[in-house]
């Protein structure tokens, strides 16, 4: 039987990162001590959400099909269709590596079924 890991959200990641002293410097996420390597892939996707939470700004995602940007919930997985992420006020978007959906599916909400939207 295949076990599906529970979703990980920005808020959960931030709680795990707290002992490592996360902070923001401009558009960069920095740490007092290095976080564990097992969080590397999670950080590669959710770093903008962590920066947004630390800075008290909105976390924004852009749908790759429609081009529509929306505020994201740091207490929920990344919605289906979101391919770009940023912190409100950033100068550029960060593209989600397509392999992240395969390597870390727990970071993403499942795509809606054929009869439903978001």
N, C-alpha and C. Protein backbone atom coordinates (compact mmCIF):
# COMPACT_ATOMS: atom_id res chain seq x y z
N UNK A 1 0.83 -1.18 0.00
CA UNK A 1 0.00 0.00 0.00
C UNK A 1 0.88 1.25 0.00
N UNK A 2 0.60 2.16 -0.91
CA UNK A 2 1.37 3.40 -1.02
C UNK A 2 0.84 4.41 -0.01
N UNK A 3 1.76 5.01 0.76
CA UNK A 3 1.38 6.01 1.75
C UNK A 3 1.65 7.38 1.15
N UNK A 4 0.62 8.23 1.15
CA UNK A 4 0.77 9.58 0.63
C UNK A 4 1.13 10.49 1.80
N UNK A 5 2.28 11.20 1.69
CA UNK A 5 2.65 12.09 2.80
C UNK A 5 1.66 13.24 2.91
N UNK A 6 1.49 13.72 4.14
CA UNK A 6 0.56 14.83 4.35
C UNK A 6 1.13 16.10 3.71
N UNK A 7 0.25 17.01 3.31
CA UNK A 7 0.71 18.25 2.69
C UNK A 7 1.61 19.04 3.62
N UNK A 8 2.51 19.82 3.04
CA UNK A 8 3.31 20.75 3.83
C UNK A 8 3.01 22.14 3.32
N UNK A 9 2.73 23.03 4.25
CA UNK A 9 2.40 24.40 3.91
C UNK A 9 3.53 25.33 4.32
N UNK A 10 3.43 26.56 3.90
CA UNK A 10 4.42 27.58 4.29
C UNK A 10 4.47 27.71 5.81
N UNK A 11 3.31 27.75 6.46
CA UNK A 11 3.28 27.90 7.93
C UNK A 11 3.98 26.73 8.62
N UNK A 12 3.75 25.51 8.13
CA UNK A 12 4.41 24.34 8.71
C UNK A 12 5.91 24.40 8.48
N UNK A 13 6.31 24.79 7.29
CA UNK A 13 7.74 24.91 6.99
C UNK A 13 8.38 25.98 7.87
N UNK A 14 7.73 27.10 8.02
CA UNK A 14 8.27 28.18 8.84
C UNK A 14 8.47 27.71 10.28
N UNK A 15 7.55 26.92 10.80
CA UNK A 15 7.70 26.38 12.16
C UNK A 15 8.92 25.46 12.24
N UNK A 16 9.15 24.67 11.19
CA UNK A 16 10.33 23.78 11.18
C UNK A 16 11.63 24.55 11.02
N UNK A 17 11.55 25.72 10.36
CA UNK A 17 12.74 26.54 10.13
C UNK A 17 13.09 27.46 11.29
N UNK A 18 12.15 27.68 12.19
CA UNK A 18 12.35 28.64 13.27
C UNK A 18 13.67 28.45 14.03
N UNK A 19 14.07 27.21 14.37
CA UNK A 19 15.34 27.05 15.11
C UNK A 19 16.58 27.49 14.32
N UNK A 20 16.43 27.72 13.02
CA UNK A 20 17.58 28.07 12.18
C UNK A 20 17.64 29.58 11.89
N UNK A 21 16.76 30.34 12.55
CA UNK A 21 16.80 31.79 12.45
C UNK A 21 16.53 32.36 11.07
N UNK A 22 15.40 32.02 10.45
CA UNK A 22 15.13 32.57 9.12
C UNK A 22 14.85 34.08 9.20
N UNK A 23 15.31 34.80 8.21
CA UNK A 23 15.05 36.23 8.09
C UNK A 23 15.12 36.60 6.61
N UNK A 24 14.71 37.81 6.31
CA UNK A 24 14.79 38.27 4.92
C UNK A 24 15.80 39.41 4.83
N UNK A 25 16.49 39.44 3.71
CA UNK A 25 17.39 40.53 3.36
C UNK A 25 17.05 40.91 1.93
N UNK A 26 16.24 41.96 1.79
CA UNK A 26 15.76 42.33 0.46
C UNK A 26 14.87 41.21 -0.07
N UNK A 27 15.23 40.68 -1.23
CA UNK A 27 14.46 39.59 -1.83
C UNK A 27 15.10 38.23 -1.58
N UNK A 28 15.92 38.15 -0.54
CA UNK A 28 16.60 36.89 -0.21
C UNK A 28 16.13 36.37 1.14
N UNK A 29 16.08 35.05 1.25
CA UNK A 29 15.79 34.37 2.51
C UNK A 29 17.13 33.92 3.07
N UNK A 30 17.42 34.29 4.30
CA UNK A 30 18.70 33.92 4.91
C UNK A 30 18.44 33.23 6.25
N UNK A 31 19.47 32.55 6.75
CA UNK A 31 19.38 31.80 8.00
C UNK A 31 20.61 32.04 8.84
N UNK A 32 20.45 32.00 10.16
CA UNK A 32 21.57 32.09 11.09
C UNK A 32 22.37 30.79 11.04
N UNK A 33 21.67 29.66 10.94
CA UNK A 33 22.30 28.34 10.83
C UNK A 33 21.64 27.60 9.66
N UNK A 34 22.40 26.70 9.05
CA UNK A 34 21.88 25.97 7.89
C UNK A 34 20.75 25.03 8.27
N UNK A 35 19.61 25.14 7.55
CA UNK A 35 18.52 24.17 7.78
C UNK A 35 18.94 22.79 7.30
N UNK A 36 18.26 21.74 7.76
CA UNK A 36 18.63 20.39 7.33
C UNK A 36 18.44 20.20 5.82
N UNK A 37 19.29 19.38 5.26
CA UNK A 37 19.28 19.13 3.81
C UNK A 37 17.96 18.53 3.34
N UNK A 38 17.23 17.81 4.22
CA UNK A 38 15.97 17.21 3.79
C UNK A 38 14.90 18.26 3.50
N UNK A 39 15.15 19.52 3.83
CA UNK A 39 14.21 20.60 3.52
C UNK A 39 14.58 21.35 2.24
N UNK A 40 15.68 20.96 1.60
CA UNK A 40 16.14 21.69 0.40
C UNK A 40 15.08 21.79 -0.69
N UNK A 41 14.46 20.68 -1.06
CA UNK A 41 13.47 20.72 -2.14
C UNK A 41 12.25 21.52 -1.73
N UNK A 42 11.85 21.40 -0.47
CA UNK A 42 10.70 22.15 0.03
C UNK A 42 11.02 23.65 -0.01
N UNK A 43 12.20 24.02 0.44
CA UNK A 43 12.61 25.43 0.40
C UNK A 43 12.73 25.96 -1.02
N UNK A 44 13.15 25.10 -1.95
CA UNK A 44 13.30 25.56 -3.34
C UNK A 44 11.97 26.00 -3.92
N UNK A 45 10.87 25.45 -3.41
CA UNK A 45 9.54 25.82 -3.89
C UNK A 45 8.90 26.88 -2.99
N UNK A 46 8.96 26.70 -1.69
CA UNK A 46 8.21 27.54 -0.76
C UNK A 46 8.97 28.75 -0.21
N UNK A 47 10.19 28.99 -0.66
CA UNK A 47 10.97 30.10 -0.09
C UNK A 47 10.27 31.44 -0.24
N UNK A 48 9.53 31.67 -1.33
CA UNK A 48 8.82 32.94 -1.47
C UNK A 48 7.72 33.06 -0.42
N UNK A 49 7.05 31.96 -0.13
CA UNK A 49 6.01 31.98 0.89
C UNK A 49 6.58 32.25 2.27
N UNK A 50 7.74 31.67 2.55
CA UNK A 50 8.41 31.91 3.84
C UNK A 50 8.82 33.38 3.93
N UNK A 51 9.39 33.91 2.85
CA UNK A 51 9.78 35.33 2.86
C UNK A 51 8.57 36.23 3.07
N UNK A 52 7.45 35.90 2.40
CA UNK A 52 6.24 36.70 2.54
C UNK A 52 5.76 36.69 3.99
N UNK A 53 5.75 35.51 4.61
CA UNK A 53 5.30 35.40 6.00
C UNK A 53 6.21 36.20 6.93
N UNK A 54 7.51 36.09 6.73
CA UNK A 54 8.46 36.81 7.58
C UNK A 54 8.35 38.32 7.40
N UNK A 55 8.07 38.76 6.18
CA UNK A 55 7.99 40.19 5.88
C UNK A 55 6.59 40.77 6.13
N UNK A 56 5.61 39.91 6.42
CA UNK A 56 4.25 40.38 6.63
C UNK A 56 3.62 40.90 5.34
N UNK A 57 4.00 40.28 4.21
CA UNK A 57 3.45 40.68 2.91
C UNK A 57 2.69 39.51 2.30
N UNK A 58 1.94 39.81 1.25
CA UNK A 58 1.17 38.76 0.58
C UNK A 58 2.08 37.87 -0.24
N UNK A 59 1.73 36.58 -0.27
CA UNK A 59 2.38 35.60 -1.12
C UNK A 59 1.48 35.47 -2.35
N UNK A 60 2.06 35.59 -3.53
CA UNK A 60 1.28 35.66 -4.76
C UNK A 60 1.70 34.54 -5.70
N UNK A 61 0.71 33.94 -6.37
CA UNK A 61 0.96 32.92 -7.38
C UNK A 61 0.29 33.31 -8.68
N UNK A 62 0.87 32.84 -9.78
CA UNK A 62 0.32 33.13 -11.11
C UNK A 62 -0.01 31.81 -11.79
N UNK A 63 -1.22 31.72 -12.31
CA UNK A 63 -1.68 30.54 -13.03
C UNK A 63 -1.01 30.52 -14.41
N UNK A 64 -0.34 29.43 -14.72
CA UNK A 64 0.39 29.31 -15.98
C UNK A 64 -0.48 29.25 -17.21
N UNK A 65 -1.75 28.91 -17.06
CA UNK A 65 -2.66 28.82 -18.20
C UNK A 65 -3.37 30.14 -18.46
N UNK A 66 -3.86 30.76 -17.40
CA UNK A 66 -4.65 31.97 -17.56
C UNK A 66 -3.84 33.25 -17.42
N UNK A 67 -2.69 33.17 -16.75
CA UNK A 67 -1.90 34.37 -16.47
C UNK A 67 -2.46 35.19 -15.32
N UNK A 68 -3.47 34.67 -14.66
CA UNK A 68 -4.11 35.40 -13.55
C UNK A 68 -3.29 35.20 -12.27
N UNK A 69 -3.01 36.32 -11.59
CA UNK A 69 -2.30 36.28 -10.32
C UNK A 69 -3.32 36.30 -9.18
N UNK A 70 -2.99 35.62 -8.09
CA UNK A 70 -3.87 35.58 -6.93
C UNK A 70 -3.05 35.46 -5.67
N UNK A 71 -3.59 36.00 -4.58
CA UNK A 71 -2.95 35.84 -3.27
C UNK A 71 -3.09 34.37 -2.87
N UNK A 72 -2.01 33.83 -2.32
CA UNK A 72 -2.01 32.43 -1.89
C UNK A 72 -2.14 32.34 -0.38
N UNK A 73 -2.70 31.25 0.08
CA UNK A 73 -2.89 31.01 1.50
C UNK A 73 -1.67 30.25 2.03
N UNK A 74 -0.91 30.84 2.96
CA UNK A 74 0.26 30.14 3.50
C UNK A 74 -0.09 28.94 4.37
N UNK A 75 -1.39 28.74 4.65
CA UNK A 75 -1.84 27.60 5.44
C UNK A 75 -2.37 26.47 4.57
N UNK A 76 -2.17 26.59 3.25
CA UNK A 76 -2.69 25.58 2.32
C UNK A 76 -1.62 25.26 1.28
N UNK A 77 -1.73 24.09 0.65
CA UNK A 77 -0.81 23.76 -0.44
C UNK A 77 -0.98 24.73 -1.61
N UNK A 78 0.00 24.77 -2.48
CA UNK A 78 -0.06 25.62 -3.68
C UNK A 78 -1.17 25.09 -4.58
N UNK A 79 -2.08 25.96 -5.01
CA UNK A 79 -3.19 25.51 -5.86
C UNK A 79 -2.71 24.94 -7.20
N UNK A 80 -3.51 24.04 -7.75
CA UNK A 80 -3.23 23.48 -9.07
C UNK A 80 -3.15 24.61 -10.08
N UNK A 81 -2.27 24.50 -11.04
CA UNK A 81 -2.16 25.48 -12.11
C UNK A 81 -1.17 26.60 -11.84
N UNK A 82 -0.81 26.82 -10.57
CA UNK A 82 0.14 27.89 -10.25
C UNK A 82 1.54 27.46 -10.69
N UNK A 83 2.18 28.30 -11.50
CA UNK A 83 3.52 27.98 -12.00
C UNK A 83 4.56 29.03 -11.62
N UNK A 84 4.10 30.22 -11.17
CA UNK A 84 5.00 31.29 -10.77
C UNK A 84 4.64 31.76 -9.38
N UNK A 85 5.66 32.12 -8.59
CA UNK A 85 5.45 32.59 -7.22
C UNK A 85 6.26 33.84 -6.96
N UNK A 86 5.75 34.71 -6.09
CA UNK A 86 6.54 35.86 -5.64
C UNK A 86 5.96 36.39 -4.34
N UNK A 87 6.72 37.29 -3.74
CA UNK A 87 6.26 38.05 -2.59
C UNK A 87 5.77 39.38 -3.15
N UNK A 88 4.63 39.84 -2.66
CA UNK A 88 4.10 41.12 -3.11
C UNK A 88 5.20 42.18 -3.06
N UNK A 89 5.42 42.85 -4.19
CA UNK A 89 6.44 43.88 -4.28
C UNK A 89 7.77 43.42 -4.86
N UNK A 90 7.96 42.10 -5.04
CA UNK A 90 9.19 41.60 -5.66
C UNK A 90 9.32 42.13 -7.08
N UNK A 91 10.54 42.21 -7.56
CA UNK A 91 10.80 42.69 -8.91
C UNK A 91 10.60 41.64 -9.98
N UNK A 92 10.54 40.37 -9.60
CA UNK A 92 10.35 39.30 -10.59
C UNK A 92 9.69 38.09 -9.94
N UNK A 93 9.17 37.22 -10.80
CA UNK A 93 8.52 35.98 -10.36
C UNK A 93 9.55 34.86 -10.32
N UNK A 94 9.32 33.88 -9.45
CA UNK A 94 10.11 32.65 -9.42
C UNK A 94 9.28 31.55 -10.05
N UNK A 95 9.85 30.88 -11.05
CA UNK A 95 9.15 29.79 -11.72
C UNK A 95 9.32 28.51 -10.90
N UNK A 96 8.23 27.79 -10.70
CA UNK A 96 8.29 26.50 -10.01
C UNK A 96 8.85 25.48 -10.99
N UNK A 97 9.92 24.82 -10.58
CA UNK A 97 10.50 23.77 -11.42
C UNK A 97 9.45 22.69 -11.61
N UNK A 98 9.13 22.34 -12.86
CA UNK A 98 8.08 21.33 -13.10
C UNK A 98 8.35 19.99 -12.40
N UNK A 99 9.61 19.65 -12.18
CA UNK A 99 9.90 18.38 -11.50
C UNK A 99 9.52 18.43 -10.02
N UNK A 100 9.33 19.63 -9.46
CA UNK A 100 8.94 19.74 -8.05
C UNK A 100 7.60 19.08 -7.79
N UNK A 101 6.70 19.12 -8.77
CA UNK A 101 5.39 18.49 -8.60
C UNK A 101 5.52 16.96 -8.49
N UNK A 102 6.57 16.41 -9.09
CA UNK A 102 6.84 14.98 -8.99
C UNK A 102 7.66 14.65 -7.74
N UNK A 103 8.65 15.50 -7.45
CA UNK A 103 9.56 15.25 -6.34
C UNK A 103 8.96 15.60 -4.98
N UNK A 104 8.05 16.57 -4.94
CA UNK A 104 7.45 17.01 -3.67
C UNK A 104 5.96 17.28 -3.85
N UNK A 105 5.19 16.26 -4.21
CA UNK A 105 3.77 16.47 -4.48
C UNK A 105 2.99 17.00 -3.28
N UNK A 106 3.50 16.79 -2.07
CA UNK A 106 2.77 17.25 -0.88
C UNK A 106 2.71 18.77 -0.75
N UNK A 107 3.46 19.48 -1.59
CA UNK A 107 3.43 20.95 -1.57
C UNK A 107 2.30 21.51 -2.42
N UNK A 108 1.65 20.66 -3.20
CA UNK A 108 0.68 21.11 -4.20
C UNK A 108 -0.70 20.49 -3.97
N UNK A 109 -1.73 21.31 -4.15
CA UNK A 109 -3.10 20.80 -4.10
C UNK A 109 -3.35 19.99 -5.36
N UNK A 110 -4.16 18.95 -5.26
CA UNK A 110 -4.47 18.17 -6.46
C UNK A 110 -5.25 19.01 -7.47
N UNK A 111 -5.08 18.66 -8.72
CA UNK A 111 -5.85 19.34 -9.78
C UNK A 111 -7.31 19.00 -9.62
N UNK A 112 -8.20 19.96 -9.90
CA UNK A 112 -9.63 19.67 -9.80
C UNK A 112 -10.04 18.62 -10.82
N UNK A 113 -11.09 17.89 -10.50
CA UNK A 113 -11.61 16.89 -11.42
C UNK A 113 -12.20 17.53 -12.64
N UNK A 114 -12.59 16.75 -13.64
CA UNK A 114 -13.10 17.30 -14.90
C UNK A 114 -14.36 18.13 -14.75
N UNK A 115 -15.12 17.91 -13.68
CA UNK A 115 -16.37 18.66 -13.53
C UNK A 115 -16.26 19.87 -12.62
N UNK A 116 -15.09 20.04 -11.97
CA UNK A 116 -15.00 21.14 -11.00
C UNK A 116 -13.90 22.10 -11.30
N UNK A 117 -14.04 23.30 -10.84
CA UNK A 117 -12.99 24.31 -10.92
C UNK A 117 -12.39 24.47 -9.55
N UNK A 118 -11.61 25.55 -9.37
CA UNK A 118 -11.01 25.82 -8.07
C UNK A 118 -12.01 26.31 -7.11
